[in-house]
Structure formats: C-alpha cells, structure tokens
Amino acid sequence: MSSGVCQVQVVHSDRAALEAILEDLLERRLIACGQLLGPIESSYRWQGGLEREQEWLALLKTSEAASGRVLERVRELHSYEVPEVLVTAIQAGHEPYLSWVIEESSGEPR
C-alpha cells in the first residue's frame, strides 16, 4: 500500500546551492516542502580513495507522480558529478498532511 507521497534525500557540500535547489523545486511546485539539516559528516569511496566531507542534507516531500521530475531537476541543478538523490516511498502518514503534499507538488501553477 502506498500513500502517493515520497521523500527525496539530497546532499550537497554548499548550503546555499542546496537552498537554491530547494527554492527552485518549490517555485516549480515539484515539492510541497523541504528541510535542510546539517552540517553532517559524510564518508564515502570516490575514485579509489576514501573521502570525508562536511555536507548538508535536504529532505524534500513530493508526490510519487512528481518524483521523476524532481530527480531530473536536481540532476540539472546539482554540481556534483554523481549527486546523492534518493527517493523513498512513504507507506502511511497523517492523511491531511499526505493530501497537502500531493496537492502542493502537482507542478501546476496556482
């Protein structure tokens, strides 16, 4: 069973750049809302080496219908060669909130 809502996780080392991505998605009505968390410490393998970096995490709420467009737009705007963009389906939640997310991330201008 699906609620029709997704959470998209995006990280970036530049808070202002991540804020700009969030604002763009809000203006296009591809997401209903988002939270920025951080800084966080990220550790990962990249091009054969171990990396550690301070990054910011965005948690973006959108509809399943808009999630593909969110992924595409984040890839267009993000400066990383391989940005972390993960979509997690929300199974259940407070129904009025879920309905609000779906309505606000319709991609349709008001």
PDB file of N, CA and C in Angstrom:
ATOM      1  N   MET A   1       0.850  -1.190   0.000  1.00  0.00           N
ATOM      2  CA  MET A   1       0.000   0.000   0.000  1.00  0.00           C
ATOM      3  C   MET A   1       0.884   1.237   0.000  1.00  0.00           C
ATOM      4  N   SER A   2       0.552   2.190  -0.828  1.00  0.00           N
ATOM      5  CA  SER A   2       1.317   3.414  -0.939  1.00  0.00           C
ATOM      6  C   SER A   2       0.434   4.608  -0.632  1.00  0.00           C
ATOM      7  N   SER A   3       1.039   5.614  -0.046  1.00  0.00           N
ATOM      8  CA  SER A   3       0.301   6.839   0.279  1.00  0.00           C
ATOM      9  C   SER A   3       0.260   7.802  -0.892  1.00  0.00           C
ATOM     10  N   GLY A   4       1.101   7.589  -1.906  1.00  0.00           N
ATOM     11  CA  GLY A   4       1.212   8.524  -3.018  1.00  0.00           C
ATOM     12  C   GLY A   4       2.225   9.624  -2.766  1.00  0.00           C
ATOM     13  N   VAL A   5       2.928   9.554  -1.607  1.00  0.00           N
ATOM     14  CA  VAL A   5       3.901  10.575  -1.213  1.00  0.00           C
ATOM     15  C   VAL A   5       5.282   9.942  -1.125  1.00  0.00           C
ATOM     16  N   CYS A   6       6.300  10.726  -1.491  1.00  0.00           N
ATOM     17  CA  CYS A   6       7.699  10.305  -1.408  1.00  0.00           C
ATOM     18  C   CYS A   6       8.507  11.337  -0.637  1.00  0.00           C
ATOM     19  N   GLN A   7       9.627  10.883  -0.091  1.00  0.00           N
ATOM     20  CA  GLN A   7      10.621  11.787   0.464  1.00  0.00           C
ATOM     21  C   GLN A   7      11.878  11.635  -0.378  1.00  0.00           C
ATOM     22  N   VAL A   8      12.412  12.753  -0.842  1.00  0.00           N
ATOM     23  CA  VAL A   8      13.623  12.759  -1.653  1.00  0.00           C
ATOM     24  C   VAL A   8      14.748  13.316  -0.796  1.00  0.00           C
ATOM     25  N   GLN A   9      15.835  12.566  -0.728  1.00  0.00           N
ATOM     26  CA  GLN A   9      17.009  12.948   0.056  1.00  0.00           C
ATOM     27  C   GLN A   9      18.098  13.421  -0.895  1.00  0.00           C
ATOM     28  N   VAL A  10      18.645  14.609  -0.624  1.00  0.00           N
ATOM     29  CA  VAL A  10      19.707  15.186  -1.448  1.00  0.00           C
ATOM     30  C   VAL A  10      20.765  15.749  -0.514  1.00  0.00           C
ATOM     31  N   VAL A  11      22.047  15.533  -0.843  1.00  0.00           N
ATOM     32  CA  VAL A  11      23.127  16.142  -0.060  1.00  0.00           C
ATOM     33  C   VAL A  11      23.978  17.037  -0.959  1.00  0.00           C
ATOM     34  N   HIS A  12      24.601  18.022  -0.322  1.00  0.00           N
ATOM     35  CA  HIS A  12      25.482  18.952  -1.038  1.00  0.00           C
ATOM     36  C   HIS A  12      26.438  19.562  -0.018  1.00  0.00           C
ATOM     37  N   SER A  13      27.655  19.845  -0.456  1.00  0.00           N
ATOM     38  CA  SER A  13      28.630  20.481   0.440  1.00  0.00           C
ATOM     39  C   SER A  13      28.393  21.983   0.574  1.00  0.00           C
ATOM     40  N   ASP A  14      27.603  22.560  -0.300  1.00  0.00           N
ATOM     41  CA  ASP A  14      27.343  24.004  -0.316  1.00  0.00           C
ATOM     42  C   ASP A  14      25.886  24.253   0.089  1.00  0.00           C
ATOM     43  N   ARG A  15      25.697  24.784   1.299  1.00  0.00           N
ATOM     44  CA  ARG A  15      24.339  25.019   1.793  1.00  0.00           C
ATOM     45  C   ARG A  15      23.553  25.945   0.869  1.00  0.00           C
ATOM     46  N   ALA A  16      24.179  27.018   0.395  1.00  0.00           N
ATOM     47  CA  ALA A  16      23.478  27.967  -0.476  1.00  0.00           C
ATOM     48  C   ALA A  16      23.029  27.291  -1.776  1.00  0.00           C
ATOM     49  N   ALA A  17      23.853  26.431  -2.329  1.00  0.00           N
ATOM     50  CA  ALA A  17      23.486  25.711  -3.548  1.00  0.00           C
ATOM     51  C   ALA A  17      22.306  24.782  -3.288  1.00  0.00           C
ATOM     52  N   LEU A  18      22.303  24.114  -2.137  1.00  0.00           N
ATOM     53  CA  LEU A  18      21.198  23.221  -1.795  1.00  0.00           C
ATOM     54  C   LEU A  18      19.915  24.022  -1.548  1.00  0.00           C
ATOM     55  N   GLU A  19      20.045  25.175  -0.891  1.00  0.00           N
ATOM     56  CA  GLU A  19      18.888  26.055  -0.695  1.00  0.00           C
ATOM     57  C   GLU A  19      18.315  26.501  -2.042  1.00  0.00           C
ATOM     58  N   ALA A  20      19.195  26.796  -3.000  1.00  0.00           N
ATOM     59  CA  ALA A  20      18.741  27.226  -4.323  1.00  0.00           C
ATOM     60  C   ALA A  20      17.980  26.100  -5.030  1.00  0.00           C
ATOM     61  N   ILE A  21      18.440  24.865  -4.886  1.00  0.00           N
ATOM     62  CA  ILE A  21      17.733  23.719  -5.457  1.00  0.00           C
ATOM     63  C   ILE A  21      16.356  23.601  -4.825  1.00  0.00           C
ATOM     64  N   LEU A  22      16.299  23.692  -3.497  1.00  0.00           N
ATOM     65  CA  LEU A  22      15.025  23.599  -2.786  1.00  0.00           C
ATOM     66  C   LEU A  22      14.064  24.693  -3.253  1.00  0.00           C
ATOM     67  N   GLU A  23      14.546  25.909  -3.351  1.00  0.00           N
ATOM     68  CA  GLU A  23      13.698  27.034  -3.784  1.00  0.00           C
ATOM     69  C   GLU A  23      13.190  26.832  -5.201  1.00  0.00           C
ATOM     70  N   ASP A  24      14.050  26.355  -6.095  1.00  0.00           N
ATOM     71  CA  ASP A  24      13.643  26.100  -7.470  1.00  0.00           C
ATOM     72  C   ASP A  24      12.513  25.070  -7.518  1.00  0.00           C
ATOM     73  N   LEU A  25      12.664  23.998  -6.754  1.00  0.00           N
ATOM     74  CA  LEU A  25      11.644  22.949  -6.734  1.00  0.00           C
ATOM     75  C   LEU A  25      10.335  23.454  -6.139  1.00  0.00           C
ATOM     76  N   LEU A  26      10.420  24.304  -5.121  1.00  0.00           N
ATOM     77  CA  LEU A  26       9.215  24.898  -4.548  1.00  0.00           C
ATOM     78  C   LEU A  26       8.519  25.810  -5.557  1.00  0.00           C
ATOM     79  N   GLU A  27       9.296  26.657  -6.219  1.00  0.00           N
ATOM     80  CA  GLU A  27       8.723  27.581  -7.194  1.00  0.00           C
ATOM     81  C   GLU A  27       8.048  26.847  -8.340  1.00  0.00           C
ATOM     82  N   ARG A  28       8.595  25.712  -8.735  1.00  0.00           N
ATOM     83  CA  ARG A  28       8.024  24.912  -9.818  1.00  0.00           C
ATOM     84  C   ARG A  28       6.887  24.006  -9.336  1.00  0.00           C
ATOM     85  N   ARG A  29       6.631  24.039  -8.012  1.00  0.00           N
ATOM     86  CA  ARG A  29       5.603  23.208  -7.379  1.00  0.00           C
ATOM     87  C   ARG A  29       5.856  21.717  -7.602  1.00  0.00           C
ATOM     88  N   LEU A  30       7.141  21.350  -7.586  1.00  0.00           N
ATOM     89  CA  LEU A  30       7.502  19.941  -7.680  1.00  0.00           C
ATOM     90  C   LEU A  30       7.640  19.301  -6.308  1.00  0.00           C
ATOM     91  N   ILE A  31       7.792  20.130  -5.278  1.00  0.00           N
ATOM     92  CA  ILE A  31       7.804  19.650  -3.893  1.00  0.00           C
ATOM     93  C   ILE A  31       6.852  20.513  -3.082  1.00  0.00           C
ATOM     94  N   ALA A  32       6.363  19.940  -1.992  1.00  0.00           N
ATOM     95  CA  ALA A  32       5.489  20.697  -1.092  1.00  0.00           C
ATOM     96  C   ALA A  32       6.297  21.440  -0.043  1.00  0.00           C
ATOM     97  N   CYS A  33       7.395  20.824   0.398  1.00  0.00           N
ATOM     98  CA  CYS A  33       8.225  21.436   1.433  1.00  0.00           C
ATOM     99  C   CYS A  33       9.550  20.694   1.504  1.00  0.00           C
ATOM    100  N   GLY A  34      10.465  21.256   2.264  1.00  0.00           N
ATOM    101  CA  GLY A  34      11.756  20.606   2.470  1.00  0.00           C
ATOM    102  C   GLY A  34      12.427  21.125   3.716  1.00  0.00           C
ATOM    103  N   GLN A  35      13.238  20.278   4.285  1.00  0.00           N
ATOM    104  CA  GLN A  35      14.025  20.659   5.455  1.00  0.00           C
ATOM    105  C   GLN A  35      15.508  20.506   5.124  1.00  0.00           C
ATOM    106  N   LEU A  36      16.321  21.451   5.607  1.00  0.00           N
ATOM    107  CA  LEU A  36      17.773  21.366   5.485  1.00  0.00           C
ATOM    108  C   LEU A  36      18.343  21.021   6.851  1.00  0.00           C
ATOM    109  N   LEU A  37      19.146  19.985   6.892  1.00  0.00           N
ATOM    110  CA  LEU A  37      19.777  19.534   8.123  1.00  0.00           C
ATOM    111  C   LEU A  37      21.282  19.592   7.957  1.00  0.00           C
ATOM    112  N   GLY A  38      21.956  19.955   9.023  1.00  0.00           N
ATOM    113  CA  GLY A  38      23.412  19.912   8.935  1.00  0.00           C
ATOM    114  C   GLY A  38      24.064  21.048   9.680  1.00  0.00           C
ATOM    115  N   PRO A  39      25.340  21.062   9.545  1.00  0.00           N
ATOM    116  CA  PRO A  39      26.112  20.188   8.670  1.00  0.00           C
ATOM    117  C   PRO A  39      26.181  18.754   9.206  1.00  0.00           C
ATOM    118  N   ILE A  40      26.370  17.825   8.266  1.00  0.00           N
ATOM    119  CA  ILE A  40      26.557  16.412   8.586  1.00  0.00           C
ATOM    120  C   ILE A  40      27.931  16.004   8.080  1.00  0.00           C
ATOM    121  N   GLU A  41      28.474  14.947   8.624  1.00  0.00           N
ATOM    122  CA  GLU A  41      29.765  14.423   8.189  1.00  0.00           C
ATOM    123  C   GLU A  41      29.522  13.225   7.292  1.00  0.00           C
ATOM    124  N   SER A  42      29.999  13.285   6.071  1.00  0.00           N
ATOM    125  CA  SER A  42      29.838  12.193   5.119  1.00  0.00           C
ATOM    126  C   SER A  42      31.185  11.527   4.866  1.00  0.00           C
ATOM    127  N   SER A  43      31.173  10.215   4.813  1.00  0.00           N
ATOM    128  CA  SER A  43      32.353   9.420   4.469  1.00  0.00           C
ATOM    129  C   SER A  43      31.959   8.498   3.334  1.00  0.00           C
ATOM    130  N   TYR A  44      32.815   8.414   2.315  1.00  0.00           N
ATOM    131  CA  TYR A  44      32.473   7.617   1.139  1.00  0.00           C
ATOM    132  C   TYR A  44      33.724   7.308   0.330  1.00  0.00           C
ATOM    133  N   ARG A  45      33.591   6.315  -0.549  1.00  0.00           N
ATOM    134  CA  ARG A  45      34.640   5.992  -1.506  1.00  0.00           C
ATOM    135  C   ARG A  45      34.374   6.770  -2.784  1.00  0.00           C
ATOM    136  N   TRP A  46      35.412   7.382  -3.334  1.00  0.00           N
ATOM    137  CA  TRP A  46      35.276   8.099  -4.596  1.00  0.00           C
ATOM    138  C   TRP A  46      36.571   7.975  -5.372  1.00  0.00           C
ATOM    139  N   GLN A  47      36.489   7.470  -6.566  1.00  0.00           N
ATOM    140  CA  GLN A  47      37.617   7.325  -7.483  1.00  0.00           C
ATOM    141  C   GLN A  47      38.805   6.649  -6.806  1.00  0.00           C
ATOM    142  N   GLY A  48      38.516   5.564  -6.096  1.00  0.00           N
ATOM    143  CA  GLY A  48      39.558   4.742  -5.483  1.00  0.00           C
ATOM    144  C   GLY A  48      40.053   5.195  -4.130  1.00  0.00           C
ATOM    145  N   GLY A  49      39.548   6.294  -3.618  1.00  0.00           N
ATOM    146  CA  GLY A  49      40.012   6.789  -2.330  1.00  0.00           C
ATOM    147  C   GLY A  49      38.885   6.967  -1.335  1.00  0.00           C
ATOM    148  N   LEU A  50      39.251   7.083  -0.081  1.00  0.00           N
ATOM    149  CA  LEU A  50      38.284   7.381   0.972  1.00  0.00           C
ATOM    150  C   LEU A  50      38.184   8.888   1.132  1.00  0.00           C
ATOM    151  N   GLU A  51      36.966   9.377   1.185  1.00  0.00           N
ATOM    152  CA  GLU A  51      36.714  10.810   1.310  1.00  0.00           C
ATOM    153  C   GLU A  51      35.891  11.073   2.560  1.00  0.00           C
ATOM    154  N   ARG A  52      36.123  12.224   3.153  1.00  0.00           N
ATOM    155  CA  ARG A  52      35.298  12.716   4.256  1.00  0.00           C
ATOM    156  C   ARG A  52      35.002  14.175   3.952  1.00  0.00           C
ATOM    157  N   GLU A  53      33.739  14.516   4.111  1.00  0.00           N
ATOM    158  CA  GLU A  53      33.343  15.880   3.768  1.00  0.00           C
ATOM    159  C   GLU A  53      32.175  16.317   4.637  1.00  0.00           C
ATOM    160  N   GLN A  54      32.145  17.604   4.917  1.00  0.00           N
ATOM    161  CA  GLN A  54      31.000  18.183   5.598  1.00  0.00           C
ATOM    162  C   GLN A  54      29.971  18.536   4.532  1.00  0.00           C
ATOM    163  N   GLU A  55      28.734  18.075   4.727  1.00  0.00           N
ATOM    164  CA  GLU A  55      27.680  18.324   3.763  1.00  0.00           C
ATOM    165  C   GLU A  55      26.402  18.743   4.480  1.00  0.00           C
ATOM    166  N   TRP A  56      25.426  19.129   3.685  1.00  0.00           N
ATOM    167  CA  TRP A  56      24.089  19.469   4.156  1.00  0.00           C
ATOM    168  C   TRP A  56      23.121  18.471   3.551  1.00  0.00           C
ATOM    169  N   LEU A  57      22.080  18.137   4.282  1.00  0.00           N
ATOM    170  CA  LEU A  57      21.082  17.164   3.862  1.00  0.00           C
ATOM    171  C   LEU A  57      19.739  17.853   3.693  1.00  0.00           C
ATOM    172  N   ALA A  58      19.114  17.652   2.536  1.00  0.00           N
ATOM    173  CA  ALA A  58      17.761  18.148   2.300  1.00  0.00           C
ATOM    174  C   ALA A  58      16.811  16.965   2.258  1.00  0.00           C
ATOM    175  N   LEU A  59      15.704  17.081   2.974  1.00  0.00           N
ATOM    176  CA  LEU A  59      14.622  16.104   2.937  1.00  0.00           C
ATOM    177  C   LEU A  59      13.435  16.795   2.294  1.00  0.00           C
ATOM    178  N   LEU A  60      13.083  16.366   1.107  1.00  0.00           N
ATOM    179  CA  LEU A  60      12.071  17.023   0.296  1.00  0.00           C
ATOM    180  C   LEU A  60      10.834  16.139   0.207  1.00  0.00           C
ATOM    181  N   LYS A  61       9.654  16.710   0.385  1.00  0.00           N
ATOM    182  CA  LYS A  61       8.399  15.960   0.313  1.00  0.00           C
ATOM    183  C   LYS A  61       7.714  16.254  -1.012  1.00  0.00           C
ATOM    184  N   THR A  62       7.338  15.189  -1.708  1.00  0.00           N
ATOM    185  CA  THR A  62       6.695  15.332  -3.014  1.00  0.00           C
ATOM    186  C   THR A  62       5.731  14.180  -3.244  1.00  0.00           C
ATOM    187  N   SER A  63       5.000  14.271  -4.334  1.00  0.00           N
ATOM    188  CA  SER A  63       4.105  13.177  -4.712  1.00  0.00           C
ATOM    189  C   SER A  63       4.884  12.159  -5.525  1.00  0.00           C
ATOM    190  N   GLU A  64       4.394  10.929  -5.531  1.00  0.00           N
ATOM    191  CA  GLU A  64       5.005   9.907  -6.381  1.00  0.00           C
ATOM    192  C   GLU A  64       4.964  10.355  -7.841  1.00  0.00           C
ATOM    193  N   ALA A  65       3.881  11.001  -8.235  1.00  0.00           N
ATOM    194  CA  ALA A  65       3.723  11.456  -9.618  1.00  0.00           C
ATOM    195  C   ALA A  65       4.802  12.462 -10.016  1.00  0.00           C
ATOM    196  N   ALA A  66       5.260  13.296  -9.079  1.00  0.00           N
ATOM    197  CA  ALA A  66       6.252  14.332  -9.377  1.00  0.00           C
ATOM    198  C   ALA A  66       7.682  13.882  -9.115  1.00  0.00           C
ATOM    199  N   SER A  67       7.881  12.727  -8.509  1.00  0.00           N
ATOM    200  CA  SER A  67       9.225  12.328  -8.070  1.00  0.00           C
ATOM    201  C   SER A  67      10.217  12.214  -9.227  1.00  0.00           C
ATOM    202  N   GLY A  68       9.799  11.738 -10.384  1.00  0.00           N
ATOM    203  CA  GLY A  68      10.705  11.657 -11.530  1.00  0.00           C
ATOM    204  C   GLY A  68      11.166  13.018 -11.993  1.00  0.00           C
ATOM    205  N   ARG A  69      10.246  13.991 -11.986  1.00  0.00           N
ATOM    206  CA  ARG A  69      10.613  15.361 -12.381  1.00  0.00           C
ATOM    207  C   ARG A  69      11.530  15.996 -11.345  1.00  0.00           C
ATOM    208  N   VAL A  70      11.332  15.655 -10.058  1.00  0.00           N
ATOM    209  CA  VAL A  70      12.229  16.152  -9.007  1.00  0.00           C
ATOM    210  C   VAL A  70      13.629  15.600  -9.236  1.00  0.00           C
ATOM    211  N   LEU A  71      13.752  14.295  -9.468  1.00  0.00           N
ATOM    212  CA  LEU A  71      15.063  13.690  -9.740  1.00  0.00           C
ATOM    213  C   LEU A  71      15.751  14.376 -10.915  1.00  0.00           C
ATOM    214  N   GLU A  72      15.020  14.567 -11.989  1.00  0.00           N
ATOM    215  CA  GLU A  72      15.578  15.184 -13.184  1.00  0.00           C
ATOM    216  C   GLU A  72      16.047  16.610 -12.909  1.00  0.00           C
ATOM    217  N   ARG A  73      15.238  17.382 -12.218  1.00  0.00           N
ATOM    218  CA  ARG A  73      15.602  18.783 -11.942  1.00  0.00           C
ATOM    219  C   ARG A  73      16.796  18.874 -11.001  1.00  0.00           C
ATOM    220  N   VAL A  74      16.847  18.021  -9.983  1.00  0.00           N
ATOM    221  CA  VAL A  74      18.006  18.032  -9.077  1.00  0.00           C
ATOM    222  C   VAL A  74      19.279  17.712  -9.866  1.00  0.00           C
ATOM    223  N   ARG A  75      19.226  16.718 -10.746  1.00  0.00           N
ATOM    224  CA  ARG A  75      20.406  16.380 -11.559  1.00  0.00           C
ATOM    225  C   ARG A  75      20.835  17.567 -12.427  1.00  0.00           C
ATOM    226  N   GLU A  76      19.880  18.337 -12.946  1.00  0.00           N
ATOM    227  CA  GLU A  76      20.203  19.505 -13.764  1.00  0.00           C
ATOM    228  C   GLU A  76      20.896  20.598 -12.949  1.00  0.00           C
ATOM    229  N   LEU A  77      20.471  20.773 -11.703  1.00  0.00           N
ATOM    230  CA  LEU A  77      20.950  21.891 -10.885  1.00  0.00           C
ATOM    231  C   LEU A  77      22.162  21.556 -10.016  1.00  0.00           C
ATOM    232  N   HIS A  78      22.358  20.299  -9.689  1.00  0.00           N
ATOM    233  CA  HIS A  78      23.388  19.897  -8.734  1.00  0.00           C
ATOM    234  C   HIS A  78      24.769  19.926  -9.387  1.00  0.00           C
ATOM    235  N   SER A  79      25.771  20.376  -8.645  1.00  0.00           N
ATOM    236  CA  SER A  79      27.116  20.496  -9.199  1.00  0.00           C
ATOM    237  C   SER A  79      27.944  19.216  -9.088  1.00  0.00           C
ATOM    238  N   TYR A  80      27.522  18.255  -8.293  1.00  0.00           N
ATOM    239  CA  TYR A  80      28.284  17.012  -8.158  1.00  0.00           C
ATOM    240  C   TYR A  80      28.199  16.200  -9.451  1.00  0.00           C
ATOM    241  N   GLU A  81      29.267  15.487  -9.758  1.00  0.00           N
ATOM    242  CA  GLU A  81      29.269  14.580 -10.900  1.00  0.00           C
ATOM    243  C   GLU A  81      28.250  13.457 -10.706  1.00  0.00           C
ATOM    244  N   VAL A  82      28.190  12.935  -9.468  1.00  0.00           N
ATOM    245  CA  VAL A  82      27.237  11.873  -9.121  1.00  0.00           C
ATOM    246  C   VAL A  82      26.545  12.273  -7.814  1.00  0.00           C
ATOM    247  N   PRO A  83      25.508  13.108  -7.891  1.00  0.00           N
ATOM    248  CA  PRO A  83      24.852  13.547  -6.659  1.00  0.00           C
ATOM    249  C   PRO A  83      24.028  12.433  -6.016  1.00  0.00           C
ATOM    250  N   GLU A  84      23.969  12.481  -4.692  1.00  0.00           N
ATOM    251  CA  GLU A  84      23.085  11.575  -3.960  1.00  0.00           C
ATOM    252  C   GLU A  84      21.675  12.129  -4.038  1.00  0.00           C
ATOM    253  N   VAL A  85      20.820  11.402  -4.722  1.00  0.00           N
ATOM    254  CA  VAL A  85      19.408  11.756  -4.823  1.00  0.00           C
ATOM    255  C   VAL A  85      18.643  10.448  -4.657  1.00  0.00           C
ATOM    256  N   LEU A  86      18.006  10.272  -3.514  1.00  0.00           N
ATOM    257  CA  LEU A  86      17.309   9.030  -3.191  1.00  0.00           C
ATOM    258  C   LEU A  86      15.838   9.306  -2.949  1.00  0.00           C
ATOM    259  N   VAL A  87      14.987   8.465  -3.495  1.00  0.00           N
ATOM    260  CA  VAL A  87      13.538   8.609  -3.330  1.00  0.00           C
ATOM    261  C   VAL A  87      13.043   7.439  -2.490  1.00  0.00           C
ATOM    262  N   THR A  88      12.339   7.769  -1.421  1.00  0.00           N
ATOM    263  CA  THR A  88      11.752   6.757  -0.544  1.00  0.00           C
ATOM    264  C   THR A  88      10.244   6.947  -0.522  1.00  0.00           C
ATOM    265  N   ALA A  89       9.530   5.883  -0.839  1.00  0.00           N
ATOM    266  CA  ALA A  89       8.067   5.934  -0.790  1.00  0.00           C
ATOM    267  C   ALA A  89       7.613   5.961   0.666  1.00  0.00           C
ATOM    268  N   ILE A  90       6.627   6.788   0.938  1.00  0.00           N
ATOM    269  CA  ILE A  90       6.031   6.861   2.269  1.00  0.00           C
ATOM    270  C   ILE A  90       4.821   5.933   2.272  1.00  0.00           C
ATOM    271  N   GLN A  91       4.845   4.950   3.143  1.00  0.00           N
ATOM    272  CA  GLN A  91       3.769   3.956   3.187  1.00  0.00           C
ATOM    273  C   GLN A  91       2.492   4.502   3.814  1.00  0.00           C
ATOM    274  N   ALA A  92       2.644   5.301   4.859  1.00  0.00           N
ATOM    275  CA  ALA A  92       1.477   5.821   5.573  1.00  0.00           C
ATOM    276  C   ALA A  92       1.881   7.090   6.302  1.00  0.00           C
ATOM    277  N   GLY A  93       0.885   7.848   6.713  1.00  0.00           N
ATOM    278  CA  GLY A  93       1.122   9.075   7.461  1.00  0.00           C
ATOM    279  C   GLY A  93      -0.198   9.742   7.784  1.00  0.00           C
ATOM    280  N   HIS A  94      -0.103  10.917   8.354  1.00  0.00           N
ATOM    281  CA  HIS A  94      -1.285  11.698   8.698  1.00  0.00           C
ATOM    282  C   HIS A  94      -1.976  12.100   7.395  1.00  0.00           C
ATOM    283  N   GLU A  95      -3.168  11.605   7.166  1.00  0.00           N
ATOM    284  CA  GLU A  95      -3.845  11.754   5.878  1.00  0.00           C
ATOM    285  C   GLU A  95      -3.977  13.208   5.412  1.00  0.00           C
ATOM    286  N   PRO A  96      -4.346  14.173   6.267  1.00  0.00           N
ATOM    287  CA  PRO A  96      -4.416  15.563   5.786  1.00  0.00           C
ATOM    288  C   PRO A  96      -3.057  16.078   5.296  1.00  0.00           C
ATOM    289  N   TYR A  97      -1.971  15.682   5.949  1.00  0.00           N
ATOM    290  CA  TYR A  97      -0.635  16.094   5.515  1.00  0.00           C
ATOM    291  C   TYR A  97      -0.300  15.468   4.169  1.00  0.00           C
ATOM    292  N   LEU A  98      -0.558  14.174   4.030  1.00  0.00           N
ATOM    293  CA  LEU A  98      -0.273  13.486   2.773  1.00  0.00           C
ATOM    294  C   LEU A  98      -1.048  14.125   1.619  1.00  0.00           C
ATOM    295  N   SER A  99      -2.297  14.448   1.848  1.00  0.00           N
ATOM    296  CA  SER A  99      -3.116  15.102   0.819  1.00  0.00           C
ATOM    297  C   SER A  99      -2.546  16.462   0.455  1.00  0.00           C
ATOM    298  N   TRP A 100      -2.085  17.206   1.464  1.00  0.00           N
ATOM    299  CA  TRP A 100      -1.488  18.525   1.227  1.00  0.00           C
ATOM    300  C   TRP A 100      -0.230  18.396   0.368  1.00  0.00           C
ATOM    301  N   VAL A 101       0.625  17.406   0.678  1.00  0.00           N
ATOM    302  CA  VAL A 101       1.852  17.208  -0.105  1.00  0.00           C
ATOM    303  C   VAL A 101       1.499  16.926  -1.556  1.00  0.00           C
ATOM    304  N   ILE A 102       0.555  16.049  -1.790  1.00  0.00           N
ATOM    305  CA  ILE A 102       0.161  15.699  -3.159  1.00  0.00           C
ATOM    306  C   ILE A 102      -0.368  16.929  -3.891  1.00  0.00           C
ATOM    307  N   GLU A 103      -1.212  17.702  -3.233  1.00  0.00           N
ATOM    308  CA  GLU A 103      -1.784  18.903  -3.852  1.00  0.00           C
ATOM    309  C   GLU A 103      -0.701  19.932  -4.161  1.00  0.00           C
ATOM    310  N   GLU A 104       0.199  20.162  -3.222  1.00  0.00           N
ATOM    311  CA  GLU A 104       1.221  21.216  -3.381  1.00  0.00           C
ATOM    312  C   GLU A 104       2.333  20.837  -4.341  1.00  0.00           C
ATOM    313  N   SER A 105       2.498  19.565  -4.641  1.00  0.00           N
ATOM    314  CA  SER A 105       3.563  19.143  -5.549  1.00  0.00           C
ATOM    315  C   SER A 105       2.991  18.699  -6.900  1.00  0.00           C
ATOM    316  N   SER A 106       1.920  19.331  -7.287  1.00  0.00           N
ATOM    317  CA  SER A 106       1.242  18.970  -8.530  1.00  0.00           C
ATOM    318  C   SER A 106       1.958  19.464  -9.781  1.00  0.00           C
ATOM    319  N   GLY A 107       2.863  20.420  -9.604  1.00  0.00           N
ATOM    320  CA  GLY A 107       3.551  21.007 -10.759  1.00  0.00           C
ATOM    321  C   GLY A 107       2.691  22.005 -11.504  1.00  0.00           C
ATOM    322  N   GLU A 108       1.483  22.237 -11.018  1.00  0.00           N
ATOM    323  CA  GLU A 108       0.567  23.168 -11.676  1.00  0.00           C
ATOM    324  C   GLU A 108       0.618  24.529 -10.994  1.00  0.00           C
ATOM    325  N   PRO A 109       0.752  25.610 -11.766  1.00  0.00           N
ATOM    326  CA  PRO A 109       0.747  26.946 -11.144  1.00  0.00           C
ATOM    327  C   PRO A 109      -0.617  27.254 -10.535  1.00  0.00           C
ATOM    328  N   ARG A 110      -0.594  28.066  -9.516  1.00  0.00           N
ATOM    329  CA  ARG A 110      -1.848  28.487  -8.876  1.00  0.00           C
ATOM    330  C   ARG A 110      -2.247  29.844  -9.362  1.00  0.00           C
TER     331      ARG A 110
END
